Amino acid sequence: GDDDVLWQALLATGTQVATEADYEHGYKREMRSDLLRYVTFMIGHEIYGLPIEQIIEISIVFPTTPVPRTSEFVLGIGNMRGSVMPVIDLARRLRLGVCKPARETRVLIVRHLDEPHGIVVDRVLEVISLPPEEMENTPGGIGSTRADFILGLGRDRRRLIIILDIATVLAERDFLLPKFRRERAAS
């Protein structure tokens, strides 16, 4: 749709697309340079975000080939225009069930350790700008299973945005089932 075209253009150019909200807020005073920009997306009923510079592009779902001995959240290896990459189901990775493919399902192609990785999400929302003072550290109350993956929490128009730590989400050692990992787990 038109949204996809807009996203592709946005991600290709890296320039800011002004929204009405920007006009309301931003252009009456000088634009701040310390705003951090995040691509936001849904997993279940929660809104997550990743820094826009980590995202190469947003794709519709493409086929993956399962890889033996990998963890359940690893959907397999996919080929996106000649780039071969691991593809993960973010819902499973965060232990929030399974991403059920739907019309809105998208794959975020992210750069991690200079390699592309695909992350399947339920739906991509928008790019938001968050001032650093709107970011909070993860409160201790969040279940420890997910706390590792969370860099911080942001607020945008009174909505809570969970900012993910891509390094933990894509930690290679977790991609293999424990019994096939090279290191011996400390008991």
Protein backbone atom coordinates (compact mmCIF):
# COMPACT_ATOMS: atom_id res chain seq x y z
CA GLY A 1 0.00 0.00 0.00
CA ASP A 2 0.89 3.67 0.10
CA ASP A 3 2.22 3.24 3.62
CA ASP A 4 4.77 0.72 2.42
CA VAL A 5 5.93 3.07 -0.30
CA LEU A 6 6.27 5.86 2.24
CA TRP A 7 8.24 3.60 4.58
CA GLN A 8 10.55 2.46 1.81
CA ALA A 9 11.18 6.05 0.83
CA LEU A 10 11.71 7.05 4.44
CA LEU A 11 14.12 4.24 5.16
CA ALA A 12 15.96 4.67 1.88
CA THR A 13 16.59 8.38 2.37
CA GLY A 14 16.94 8.49 6.11
CA THR A 15 15.35 11.92 6.07
CA GLN A 16 12.59 12.99 8.37
CA VAL A 17 9.06 12.92 7.03
CA ALA A 18 7.15 15.69 8.75
CA THR A 19 3.87 14.61 10.27
CA GLU A 20 1.07 16.87 11.39
CA ALA A 21 2.24 16.32 14.96
CA ASP A 22 5.67 17.64 13.96
CA TYR A 23 4.06 20.79 12.62
CA GLU A 24 2.06 21.23 15.80
CA HIS A 25 5.02 20.65 18.10
CA GLY A 26 8.24 21.15 16.28
CA TYR A 27 8.14 24.02 13.91
CA LYS A 28 6.87 26.57 16.40
CA ARG A 29 10.16 26.20 18.26
CA GLU A 30 13.49 25.14 16.83
CA MET A 31 13.85 21.41 16.18
CA ARG A 32 15.77 19.57 18.86
CA SER A 33 18.82 17.64 17.80
CA ASP A 34 18.82 15.21 20.71
CA LEU A 35 15.59 13.42 19.79
CA LEU A 36 16.04 9.69 19.35
CA ARG A 37 14.02 8.16 16.53
CA TYR A 38 12.43 4.75 16.81
CA VAL A 39 10.45 2.53 14.49
CA THR A 40 7.48 1.28 16.51
CA PHE A 41 5.62 -1.99 16.03
CA MET A 42 3.13 -4.25 17.74
CA ILE A 43 3.64 -7.64 19.34
CA GLY A 44 0.28 -8.74 20.68
CA HIS A 45 -1.21 -5.69 22.41
CA GLU A 46 2.07 -4.02 23.29
CA ILE A 47 4.06 -1.41 21.41
CA TYR A 48 7.77 -1.99 20.95
CA GLY A 49 10.45 0.16 19.38
CA LEU A 50 13.91 -0.13 17.85
CA PRO A 51 16.24 2.74 16.96
CA ILE A 52 15.66 3.63 13.32
CA GLU A 53 19.36 3.44 12.47
CA GLN A 54 19.35 -0.28 13.24
CA ILE A 55 16.70 -0.94 10.61
CA ILE A 56 17.71 -1.49 6.99
CA GLU A 57 14.20 -1.95 5.64
CA ILE A 58 10.74 -3.25 6.32
CA SER A 59 9.57 -6.19 4.24
CA ILE A 60 6.53 -8.32 3.78
CA VAL A 61 6.99 -11.88 5.01
CA PHE A 62 9.30 -13.98 2.81
CA PRO A 63 9.91 -17.75 2.85
CA THR A 64 12.37 -19.26 5.32
CA THR A 65 14.09 -22.62 5.42
CA PRO A 66 14.11 -24.25 8.87
CA VAL A 67 17.52 -24.99 10.37
CA PRO A 68 17.95 -28.09 12.56
CA ARG A 69 19.05 -27.74 16.18
CA THR A 70 17.94 -24.12 16.44
CA SER A 71 15.74 -22.66 19.17
CA GLU A 72 11.98 -22.51 18.62
CA PHE A 73 12.00 -18.74 18.00
CA VAL A 74 14.32 -19.15 14.99
CA LEU A 75 12.05 -19.48 11.96
CA GLY A 76 15.01 -20.34 9.75
CA ILE A 77 17.19 -18.80 7.09
CA GLY A 78 15.63 -16.48 4.54
CA ASN A 79 16.84 -14.87 1.35
CA MET A 80 15.91 -11.24 0.79
CA ARG A 81 17.11 -9.95 -2.59
CA GLY A 82 20.29 -11.99 -2.39
CA SER A 83 20.99 -11.33 1.29
CA VAL A 84 20.80 -14.53 3.30
CA MET A 85 19.83 -14.00 6.92
CA PRO A 86 18.45 -15.70 10.02
CA VAL A 87 14.79 -14.81 10.65
CA ILE A 88 13.27 -14.89 14.13
CA ASP A 89 9.74 -14.72 15.52
CA LEU A 90 9.92 -11.85 18.01
CA ALA A 91 6.77 -12.92 19.87
CA ARG A 92 8.34 -16.29 20.62
CA ARG A 93 11.68 -14.72 21.44
CA LEU A 94 10.01 -12.54 24.08
CA ARG A 95 7.98 -15.57 25.26
CA LEU A 96 4.71 -13.92 24.29
CA GLY A 97 3.31 -16.78 22.25
CA VAL A 98 3.66 -17.07 18.48
CA CYS A 99 3.31 -14.44 15.75
CA LYS A 100 0.36 -15.66 13.68
CA PRO A 101 1.00 -14.47 10.13
CA ALA A 102 -1.61 -11.96 8.97
CA ARG A 103 -1.93 -9.28 6.31
CA GLU A 104 -0.15 -6.78 8.56
CA THR A 105 2.73 -9.07 9.53
CA ARG A 106 6.10 -7.56 8.59
CA VAL A 107 9.76 -8.49 8.77
CA LEU A 108 12.08 -5.82 10.13
CA ILE A 109 15.44 -6.27 8.45
CA VAL A 110 17.92 -5.06 11.05
CA ARG A 111 21.66 -4.72 11.04
CA HIS A 112 23.37 -6.46 13.94
CA LEU A 113 27.14 -7.04 14.10
CA ASP A 114 27.17 -5.83 10.49
CA GLU A 115 24.94 -8.71 9.34
CA PRO A 116 21.28 -8.54 8.31
CA HIS A 117 18.74 -10.33 10.50
CA GLY A 118 14.98 -10.62 9.97
CA ILE A 119 12.62 -10.02 12.88
CA VAL A 120 8.96 -10.92 12.36
CA VAL A 121 6.50 -8.54 14.06
CA ASP A 122 2.71 -8.39 14.09
CA ARG A 123 2.41 -4.92 12.63
CA VAL A 124 4.60 -1.88 12.02
CA LEU A 125 3.19 1.41 13.30
CA GLU A 126 5.27 4.52 12.66
CA VAL A 127 8.50 6.35 13.32
CA ILE A 128 8.43 8.36 16.54
CA SER A 129 10.90 10.80 18.05
CA LEU A 130 11.48 10.54 21.78
CA PRO A 131 13.34 13.11 23.83
CA PRO A 132 15.79 11.46 26.23
CA GLU A 133 13.79 12.73 29.24
CA GLU A 134 10.81 10.64 28.10
CA MET A 135 12.89 7.46 28.46
CA GLU A 136 12.77 5.46 31.66
CA ASN A 137 14.86 2.54 32.77
CA THR A 138 13.09 -0.77 32.93
CA PRO A 139 11.27 -1.06 36.26
CA GLY A 140 12.09 -4.15 38.30
CA GLY A 141 8.46 -5.21 38.06
CA ILE A 142 8.68 -6.47 34.48
CA GLY A 143 8.95 -10.24 34.40
CA SER A 144 12.59 -11.24 34.39
CA THR A 145 12.11 -13.35 31.26
CA ARG A 146 11.62 -10.20 29.22
CA ALA A 147 13.62 -7.69 31.24
CA ASP A 148 16.86 -8.86 29.61
CA PHE A 149 15.59 -7.84 26.20
CA ILE A 150 14.44 -4.37 27.21
CA LEU A 151 16.67 -1.33 26.98
CA GLY A 152 14.16 1.09 28.44
CA LEU A 153 10.64 2.44 28.27
CA GLY A 154 9.51 5.49 26.39
CA ARG A 155 6.30 7.48 26.48
CA ASP A 156 4.73 8.86 23.33
CA ARG A 157 1.29 10.50 23.49
CA ARG A 158 0.69 8.69 26.80
CA ARG A 159 1.40 5.30 25.22
CA LEU A 160 4.13 3.12 26.66
CA ILE A 161 6.79 2.10 24.12
CA ILE A 162 9.05 -0.80 25.10
CA ILE A 163 12.49 -0.15 23.58
CA LEU A 164 14.26 -3.40 22.79
CA ASP A 165 17.95 -4.14 23.13
CA ILE A 166 18.81 -5.64 19.74
CA ALA A 167 22.07 -7.17 21.00
CA THR A 168 20.21 -9.33 23.52
CA VAL A 169 17.30 -10.12 21.21
CA LEU A 170 19.74 -11.34 18.57
CA ALA A 171 22.30 -12.96 20.90
CA GLU A 172 23.70 -15.71 18.69
CA ARG A 173 24.30 -18.15 21.53
CA ASP A 174 20.53 -18.38 22.08
CA PHE A 175 19.88 -19.36 18.45
CA LEU A 176 21.07 -22.92 19.05
CA LEU A 177 19.27 -25.32 21.36
CA PRO A 178 21.22 -25.57 24.64
CA LYS A 179 22.37 -29.14 24.06
CA PHE A 180 24.05 -28.12 20.79
CA ARG A 181 25.87 -25.07 22.17
CA ARG A 182 29.61 -25.35 22.30
CA GLU A 183 30.12 -24.05 25.80
CA ARG A 184 29.17 -26.19 28.75
CA ALA A 185 26.43 -24.47 30.70
CA ALA A 186 27.44 -23.87 34.29
CA SER A 187 25.11 -25.90 36.47
